[in-house]
Amino acid sequence: MSALRWSKALAKAPRDGTEFQVWWSGQWQPRARFNPETHAFELWGRTDYDAEGWEAFYWSEVSHWMPQPEQPQ
């Protein structure tokens, strides 16, 4: 159930490189993280998937976040 718990407090999101999901700039982003080496908020390829790889974005446009769901067993 914790994977369904949304939080507006991005300050509580992991900052160790762990991936999580966000609602960013009006779009759901299934892969996001804070890069501990660069101290940047990053998204993987964005929802339009026009690029592959991590890209830095403005964290201030994040309104919600949630942990990644657990892997199926």
PDB file of N, CA and C in Angstrom:
ATOM      1  N   MET A   1       0.818  -1.196   0.000  1.00  0.00           N
ATOM      2  CA  MET A   1       0.000   0.000   0.000  1.00  0.00           C
ATOM      3  C   MET A   1       0.863   1.262   0.000  1.00  0.00           C
ATOM      4  N   SER A   2       2.096   1.189   0.512  1.00  0.00           N
ATOM      5  CA  SER A   2       2.920   2.390   0.578  1.00  0.00           C
ATOM      6  C   SER A   2       3.226   2.956  -0.804  1.00  0.00           C
ATOM      7  N   ALA A   3       3.249   2.126  -1.848  1.00  0.00           N
ATOM      8  CA  ALA A   3       3.514   2.615  -3.196  1.00  0.00           C
ATOM      9  C   ALA A   3       2.390   3.508  -3.696  1.00  0.00           C
ATOM     10  N   LEU A   4       1.218   3.432  -3.083  1.00  0.00           N
ATOM     11  CA  LEU A   4       0.092   4.266  -3.497  1.00  0.00           C
ATOM     12  C   LEU A   4       0.004   5.554  -2.694  1.00  0.00           C
ATOM     13  N   ARG A   5       0.861   5.714  -1.733  1.00  0.00           N
ATOM     14  CA  ARG A   5       0.834   6.890  -0.868  1.00  0.00           C
ATOM     15  C   ARG A   5       1.525   8.061  -1.566  1.00  0.00           C
ATOM     16  N   TRP A   6       0.768   9.064  -1.941  1.00  0.00           N
ATOM     17  CA  TRP A   6       1.320  10.248  -2.590  1.00  0.00           C
ATOM     18  C   TRP A   6       1.688  11.281  -1.538  1.00  0.00           C
ATOM     19  N   SER A   7       2.681  12.063  -1.828  1.00  0.00           N
ATOM     20  CA  SER A   7       3.102  13.114  -0.916  1.00  0.00           C
ATOM     21  C   SER A   7       3.458  14.357  -1.708  1.00  0.00           C
ATOM     22  N   LYS A   8       3.027  15.508  -1.228  1.00  0.00           N
ATOM     23  CA  LYS A   8       3.399  16.771  -1.872  1.00  0.00           C
ATOM     24  C   LYS A   8       4.743  17.273  -1.353  1.00  0.00           C
ATOM     25  N   ALA A   9       5.285  16.629  -0.355  1.00  0.00           N
ATOM     26  CA  ALA A   9       6.531  17.078   0.262  1.00  0.00           C
ATOM     27  C   ALA A   9       7.716  16.433  -0.462  1.00  0.00           C
ATOM     28  N   LEU A  10       8.135  17.013  -1.566  1.00  0.00           N
ATOM     29  CA  LEU A  10       9.266  16.458  -2.319  1.00  0.00           C
ATOM     30  C   LEU A  10      10.531  16.420  -1.470  1.00  0.00           C
ATOM     31  N   ALA A  11      10.565  17.214  -0.438  1.00  0.00           N
ATOM     32  CA  ALA A  11      11.725  17.192   0.448  1.00  0.00           C
ATOM     33  C   ALA A  11      11.920  15.825   1.087  1.00  0.00           C
ATOM     34  N   LYS A  12      10.877  15.009   1.142  1.00  0.00           N
ATOM     35  CA  LYS A  12      10.981  13.677   1.729  1.00  0.00           C
ATOM     36  C   LYS A  12      11.322  12.611   0.702  1.00  0.00           C
ATOM     37  N   ALA A  13      11.450  12.984  -0.571  1.00  0.00           N
ATOM     38  CA  ALA A  13      11.809  12.022  -1.613  1.00  0.00           C
ATOM     39  C   ALA A  13      13.256  11.563  -1.402  1.00  0.00           C
ATOM     40  N   PRO A  14      13.584  10.346  -1.829  1.00  0.00           N
ATOM     41  CA  PRO A  14      14.953   9.847  -1.659  1.00  0.00           C
ATOM     42  C   PRO A  14      15.974  10.740  -2.372  1.00  0.00           C
ATOM     43  N   ARG A  15      17.116  10.904  -1.760  1.00  0.00           N
ATOM     44  CA  ARG A  15      18.183  11.709  -2.362  1.00  0.00           C
ATOM     45  C   ARG A  15      19.448  10.884  -2.575  1.00  0.00           C
ATOM     46  N   ASP A  16      19.289   9.568  -2.579  1.00  0.00           N
ATOM     47  CA  ASP A  16      20.446   8.688  -2.723  1.00  0.00           C
ATOM     48  C   ASP A  16      20.527   8.028  -4.094  1.00  0.00           C
ATOM     49  N   GLY A  17      19.741   8.521  -5.062  1.00  0.00           N
ATOM     50  CA  GLY A  17      19.736   7.931  -6.394  1.00  0.00           C
ATOM     51  C   GLY A  17      18.620   6.921  -6.599  1.00  0.00           C
ATOM     52  N   THR A  18      17.864   6.611  -5.540  1.00  0.00           N
ATOM     53  CA  THR A  18      16.729   5.698  -5.653  1.00  0.00           C
ATOM     54  C   THR A  18      15.673   6.303  -6.567  1.00  0.00           C
ATOM     55  N   GLU A  19      15.165   5.501  -7.480  1.00  0.00           N
ATOM     56  CA  GLU A  19      14.140   5.994  -8.403  1.00  0.00           C
ATOM     57  C   GLU A  19      12.779   6.085  -7.727  1.00  0.00           C
ATOM     58  N   PHE A  20      11.996   7.076  -8.147  1.00  0.00           N
ATOM     59  CA  PHE A  20      10.624   7.240  -7.692  1.00  0.00           C
ATOM     60  C   PHE A  20       9.818   7.820  -8.844  1.00  0.00           C
ATOM     61  N   GLN A  21       8.511   7.954  -8.656  1.00  0.00           N
ATOM     62  CA  GLN A  21       7.637   8.503  -9.680  1.00  0.00           C
ATOM     63  C   GLN A  21       7.186   9.893  -9.261  1.00  0.00           C
ATOM     64  N   VAL A  22       6.959  10.772 -10.258  1.00  0.00           N
ATOM     65  CA  VAL A  22       6.535  12.137  -9.943  1.00  0.00           C
ATOM     66  C   VAL A  22       5.440  12.606 -10.899  1.00  0.00           C
ATOM     67  N   TRP A  23       4.718  13.612 -10.444  1.00  0.00           N
ATOM     68  CA  TRP A  23       3.836  14.397 -11.294  1.00  0.00           C
ATOM     69  C   TRP A  23       4.594  15.701 -11.508  1.00  0.00           C
ATOM     70  N   TRP A  24       5.128  15.884 -12.724  1.00  0.00           N
ATOM     71  CA  TRP A  24       6.023  17.000 -13.027  1.00  0.00           C
ATOM     72  C   TRP A  24       5.455  17.803 -14.186  1.00  0.00           C
ATOM     73  N   SER A  25       5.277  19.085 -13.997  1.00  0.00           N
ATOM     74  CA  SER A  25       4.829  19.986 -15.050  1.00  0.00           C
ATOM     75  C   SER A  25       3.552  19.466 -15.732  1.00  0.00           C
ATOM     76  N   GLY A  26       2.643  18.923 -14.918  1.00  0.00           N
ATOM     77  CA  GLY A  26       1.363  18.451 -15.433  1.00  0.00           C
ATOM     78  C   GLY A  26       1.391  17.092 -16.097  1.00  0.00           C
ATOM     79  N   GLN A  27       2.502  16.361 -15.970  1.00  0.00           N
ATOM     80  CA  GLN A  27       2.611  15.041 -16.583  1.00  0.00           C
ATOM     81  C   GLN A  27       3.182  14.045 -15.584  1.00  0.00           C
ATOM     82  N   TRP A  28       2.693  12.803 -15.672  1.00  0.00           N
ATOM     83  CA  TRP A  28       3.236  11.725 -14.855  1.00  0.00           C
ATOM     84  C   TRP A  28       4.563  11.289 -15.449  1.00  0.00           C
ATOM     85  N   GLN A  29       5.560  11.173 -14.602  1.00  0.00           N
ATOM     86  CA  GLN A  29       6.888  10.720 -14.999  1.00  0.00           C
ATOM     87  C   GLN A  29       7.209   9.454 -14.209  1.00  0.00           C
ATOM     88  N   PRO A  30       7.274   8.294 -14.886  1.00  0.00           N
ATOM     89  CA  PRO A  30       7.451   7.038 -14.161  1.00  0.00           C
ATOM     90  C   PRO A  30       8.843   6.805 -13.588  1.00  0.00           C
ATOM     91  N   ARG A  31       9.847   7.545 -14.063  1.00  0.00           N
ATOM     92  CA  ARG A  31      11.205   7.360 -13.545  1.00  0.00           C
ATOM     93  C   ARG A  31      11.833   8.718 -13.256  1.00  0.00           C
ATOM     94  N   ALA A  32      12.067   8.956 -11.975  1.00  0.00           N
ATOM     95  CA  ALA A  32      12.702  10.195 -11.531  1.00  0.00           C
ATOM     96  C   ALA A  32      13.684   9.847 -10.422  1.00  0.00           C
ATOM     97  N   ARG A  33      14.623  10.741 -10.181  1.00  0.00           N
ATOM     98  CA  ARG A  33      15.583  10.542  -9.084  1.00  0.00           C
ATOM     99  C   ARG A  33      16.292  11.851  -8.801  1.00  0.00           C
ATOM    100  N   PHE A  34      16.932  11.912  -7.631  1.00  0.00           N
ATOM    101  CA  PHE A  34      17.914  12.944  -7.342  1.00  0.00           C
ATOM    102  C   PHE A  34      19.275  12.299  -7.554  1.00  0.00           C
ATOM    103  N   ASN A  35      20.118  12.926  -8.339  1.00  0.00           N
ATOM    104  CA  ASN A  35      21.453  12.411  -8.570  1.00  0.00           C
ATOM    105  C   ASN A  35      22.348  12.936  -7.452  1.00  0.00           C
ATOM    106  N   PRO A  36      22.836  12.064  -6.565  1.00  0.00           N
ATOM    107  CA  PRO A  36      23.636  12.537  -5.444  1.00  0.00           C
ATOM    108  C   PRO A  36      24.989  13.120  -5.867  1.00  0.00           C
ATOM    109  N   GLU A  37      25.467  12.756  -7.041  1.00  0.00           N
ATOM    110  CA  GLU A  37      26.756  13.278  -7.507  1.00  0.00           C
ATOM    111  C   GLU A  37      26.636  14.713  -8.020  1.00  0.00           C
ATOM    112  N   THR A  38      25.546  15.002  -8.733  1.00  0.00           N
ATOM    113  CA  THR A  38      25.371  16.339  -9.313  1.00  0.00           C
ATOM    114  C   THR A  38      24.378  17.199  -8.536  1.00  0.00           C
ATOM    115  N   HIS A  39      23.689  16.600  -7.559  1.00  0.00           N
ATOM    116  CA  HIS A  39      22.653  17.282  -6.769  1.00  0.00           C
ATOM    117  C   HIS A  39      21.544  17.832  -7.665  1.00  0.00           C
ATOM    118  N   ALA A  40      21.212  17.078  -8.723  1.00  0.00           N
ATOM    119  CA  ALA A  40      20.191  17.509  -9.673  1.00  0.00           C
ATOM    120  C   ALA A  40      18.997  16.561  -9.638  1.00  0.00           C
ATOM    121  N   PHE A  41      17.799  17.121  -9.843  1.00  0.00           N
ATOM    122  CA  PHE A  41      16.601  16.320 -10.027  1.00  0.00           C
ATOM    123  C   PHE A  41      16.590  15.877 -11.484  1.00  0.00           C
ATOM    124  N   GLU A  42      16.440  14.576 -11.726  1.00  0.00           N
ATOM    125  CA  GLU A  42      16.534  14.047 -13.087  1.00  0.00           C
ATOM    126  C   GLU A  42      15.324  13.201 -13.438  1.00  0.00           C
ATOM    127  N   LEU A  43      14.976  13.232 -14.718  1.00  0.00           N
ATOM    128  CA  LEU A  43      13.923  12.383 -15.270  1.00  0.00           C
ATOM    129  C   LEU A  43      14.537  11.504 -16.347  1.00  0.00           C
ATOM    130  N   TRP A  44      14.007  10.286 -16.484  1.00  0.00           N
ATOM    131  CA  TRP A  44      14.486   9.362 -17.515  1.00  0.00           C
ATOM    132  C   TRP A  44      13.634   9.523 -18.763  1.00  0.00           C
ATOM    133  N   GLY A  45      14.182  10.089 -19.810  1.00  0.00           N
ATOM    134  CA  GLY A  45      13.550  10.142 -21.116  1.00  0.00           C
ATOM    135  C   GLY A  45      12.252  10.915 -21.221  1.00  0.00           C
ATOM    136  N   ARG A  46      11.678  11.399 -20.158  1.00  0.00           N
ATOM    137  CA  ARG A  46      10.408  12.121 -20.127  1.00  0.00           C
ATOM    138  C   ARG A  46       9.265  11.269 -20.666  1.00  0.00           C
ATOM    139  N   THR A  47       8.041  11.703 -20.480  1.00  0.00           N
ATOM    140  CA  THR A  47       6.889  10.898 -20.885  1.00  0.00           C
ATOM    141  C   THR A  47       6.715  10.823 -22.384  1.00  0.00           C
ATOM    142  N   ASP A  48       7.308  11.741 -23.133  1.00  0.00           N
ATOM    143  CA  ASP A  48       7.187  11.635 -24.588  1.00  0.00           C
ATOM    144  C   ASP A  48       8.243  10.681 -25.147  1.00  0.00           C
ATOM    145  N   TYR A  49       9.182  10.257 -24.312  1.00  0.00           N
ATOM    146  CA  TYR A  49      10.198   9.270 -24.665  1.00  0.00           C
ATOM    147  C   TYR A  49      10.968   9.631 -25.938  1.00  0.00           C
ATOM    148  N   ASP A  50      11.196  10.924 -26.131  1.00  0.00           N
ATOM    149  CA  ASP A  50      11.981  11.346 -27.300  1.00  0.00           C
ATOM    150  C   ASP A  50      13.476  11.243 -27.040  1.00  0.00           C
ATOM    151  N   ALA A  51      13.828  10.972 -25.809  1.00  0.00           N
ATOM    152  CA  ALA A  51      15.238  10.839 -25.460  1.00  0.00           C
ATOM    153  C   ALA A  51      15.376   9.678 -24.478  1.00  0.00           C
ATOM    154  N   GLU A  52      16.513   9.036 -24.507  1.00  0.00           N
ATOM    155  CA  GLU A  52      16.777   7.966 -23.560  1.00  0.00           C
ATOM    156  C   GLU A  52      17.967   8.378 -22.717  1.00  0.00           C
ATOM    157  N   GLY A  53      17.829   8.265 -21.430  1.00  0.00           N
ATOM    158  CA  GLY A  53      18.887   8.663 -20.513  1.00  0.00           C
ATOM    159  C   GLY A  53      18.355   9.665 -19.500  1.00  0.00           C
ATOM    160  N   TRP A  54      19.149   9.928 -18.498  1.00  0.00           N
ATOM    161  CA  TRP A  54      18.764  10.857 -17.438  1.00  0.00           C
ATOM    162  C   TRP A  54      19.023  12.289 -17.883  1.00  0.00           C
ATOM    163  N   GLU A  55      18.038  13.175 -17.631  1.00  0.00           N
ATOM    164  CA  GLU A  55      18.172  14.591 -17.939  1.00  0.00           C
ATOM    165  C   GLU A  55      17.771  15.389 -16.705  1.00  0.00           C
ATOM    166  N   ALA A  56      18.482  16.463 -16.429  1.00  0.00           N
ATOM    167  CA  ALA A  56      18.172  17.314 -15.281  1.00  0.00           C
ATOM    168  C   ALA A  56      16.993  18.223 -15.605  1.00  0.00           C
ATOM    169  N   PHE A  57      16.103  18.416 -14.607  1.00  0.00           N
ATOM    170  CA  PHE A  57      14.923  19.263 -14.758  1.00  0.00           C
ATOM    171  C   PHE A  57      14.702  20.071 -13.495  1.00  0.00           C
ATOM    172  N   TYR A  58      13.799  21.056 -13.586  1.00  0.00           N
ATOM    173  CA  TYR A  58      13.466  21.898 -12.440  1.00  0.00           C
ATOM    174  C   TYR A  58      12.618  21.118 -11.451  1.00  0.00           C
ATOM    175  N   TRP A  59      13.107  20.925 -10.264  1.00  0.00           N
ATOM    176  CA  TRP A  59      12.367  20.198  -9.239  1.00  0.00           C
ATOM    177  C   TRP A  59      11.162  20.980  -8.772  1.00  0.00           C
ATOM    178  N   SER A  60      11.170  22.301  -8.926  1.00  0.00           N
ATOM    179  CA  SER A  60      10.063  23.128  -8.434  1.00  0.00           C
ATOM    180  C   SER A  60       8.759  22.845  -9.156  1.00  0.00           C
ATOM    181  N   GLU A  61       8.812  22.187 -10.328  1.00  0.00           N
ATOM    182  CA  GLU A  61       7.604  21.876 -11.072  1.00  0.00           C
ATOM    183  C   GLU A  61       7.000  20.535 -10.659  1.00  0.00           C
ATOM    184  N   VAL A  62       7.571  19.885  -9.649  1.00  0.00           N
ATOM    185  CA  VAL A  62       7.029  18.623  -9.141  1.00  0.00           C
ATOM    186  C   VAL A  62       5.963  18.940  -8.102  1.00  0.00           C
ATOM    187  N   SER A  63       4.767  18.380  -8.300  1.00  0.00           N
ATOM    188  CA  SER A  63       3.701  18.622  -7.323  1.00  0.00           C
ATOM    189  C   SER A  63       3.450  17.415  -6.423  1.00  0.00           C
ATOM    190  N   HIS A  64       3.770  16.194  -6.887  1.00  0.00           N
ATOM    191  CA  HIS A  64       3.565  14.978  -6.114  1.00  0.00           C
ATOM    192  C   HIS A  64       4.683  13.985  -6.437  1.00  0.00           C
ATOM    193  N   TRP A  65       4.926  13.076  -5.507  1.00  0.00           N
ATOM    194  CA  TRP A  65       5.863  11.981  -5.765  1.00  0.00           C
ATOM    195  C   TRP A  65       5.366  10.739  -5.041  1.00  0.00           C
ATOM    196  N   MET A  66       5.834   9.600  -5.490  1.00  0.00           N
ATOM    197  CA  MET A  66       5.547   8.347  -4.803  1.00  0.00           C
ATOM    198  C   MET A  66       6.686   7.376  -5.072  1.00  0.00           C
ATOM    199  N   PRO A  67       6.911   6.411  -4.160  1.00  0.00           N
ATOM    200  CA  PRO A  67       7.952   5.417  -4.390  1.00  0.00           C
ATOM    201  C   PRO A  67       7.589   4.521  -5.573  1.00  0.00           C
ATOM    202  N   GLN A  68       8.591   3.887  -6.137  1.00  0.00           N
ATOM    203  CA  GLN A  68       8.332   2.898  -7.181  1.00  0.00           C
ATOM    204  C   GLN A  68       7.594   1.707  -6.549  1.00  0.00           C
ATOM    205  N   PRO A  69       6.675   1.082  -7.289  1.00  0.00           N
ATOM    206  CA  PRO A  69       6.008  -0.105  -6.747  1.00  0.00           C
ATOM    207  C   PRO A  69       7.005  -1.253  -6.595  1.00  0.00           C
ATOM    208  N   GLU A  70       6.670  -2.184  -5.727  1.00  0.00           N
ATOM    209  CA  GLU A  70       7.536  -3.353  -5.539  1.00  0.00           C
ATOM    210  C   GLU A  70       7.496  -4.233  -6.785  1.00  0.00           C
ATOM    211  N   GLN A  71       8.610  -4.901  -7.043  1.00  0.00           N
ATOM    212  CA  GLN A  71       8.703  -5.834  -8.162  1.00  0.00           C
ATOM    213  C   GLN A  71       7.763  -7.013  -7.932  1.00  0.00           C
ATOM    214  N   PRO A  72       7.137  -7.531  -8.991  1.00  0.00           N
ATOM    215  CA  PRO A  72       6.291  -8.716  -8.816  1.00  0.00           C
ATOM    216  C   PRO A  72       7.123  -9.929  -8.398  1.00  0.00           C
ATOM    217  N   GLN A  73       6.506 -10.818  -7.679  1.00  0.00           N
ATOM    218  CA  GLN A  73       7.220 -12.020  -7.218  1.00  0.00           C
ATOM    219  C   GLN A  73       6.946 -13.208  -8.095  1.00  0.00           C
TER     220      GLN A  73
END
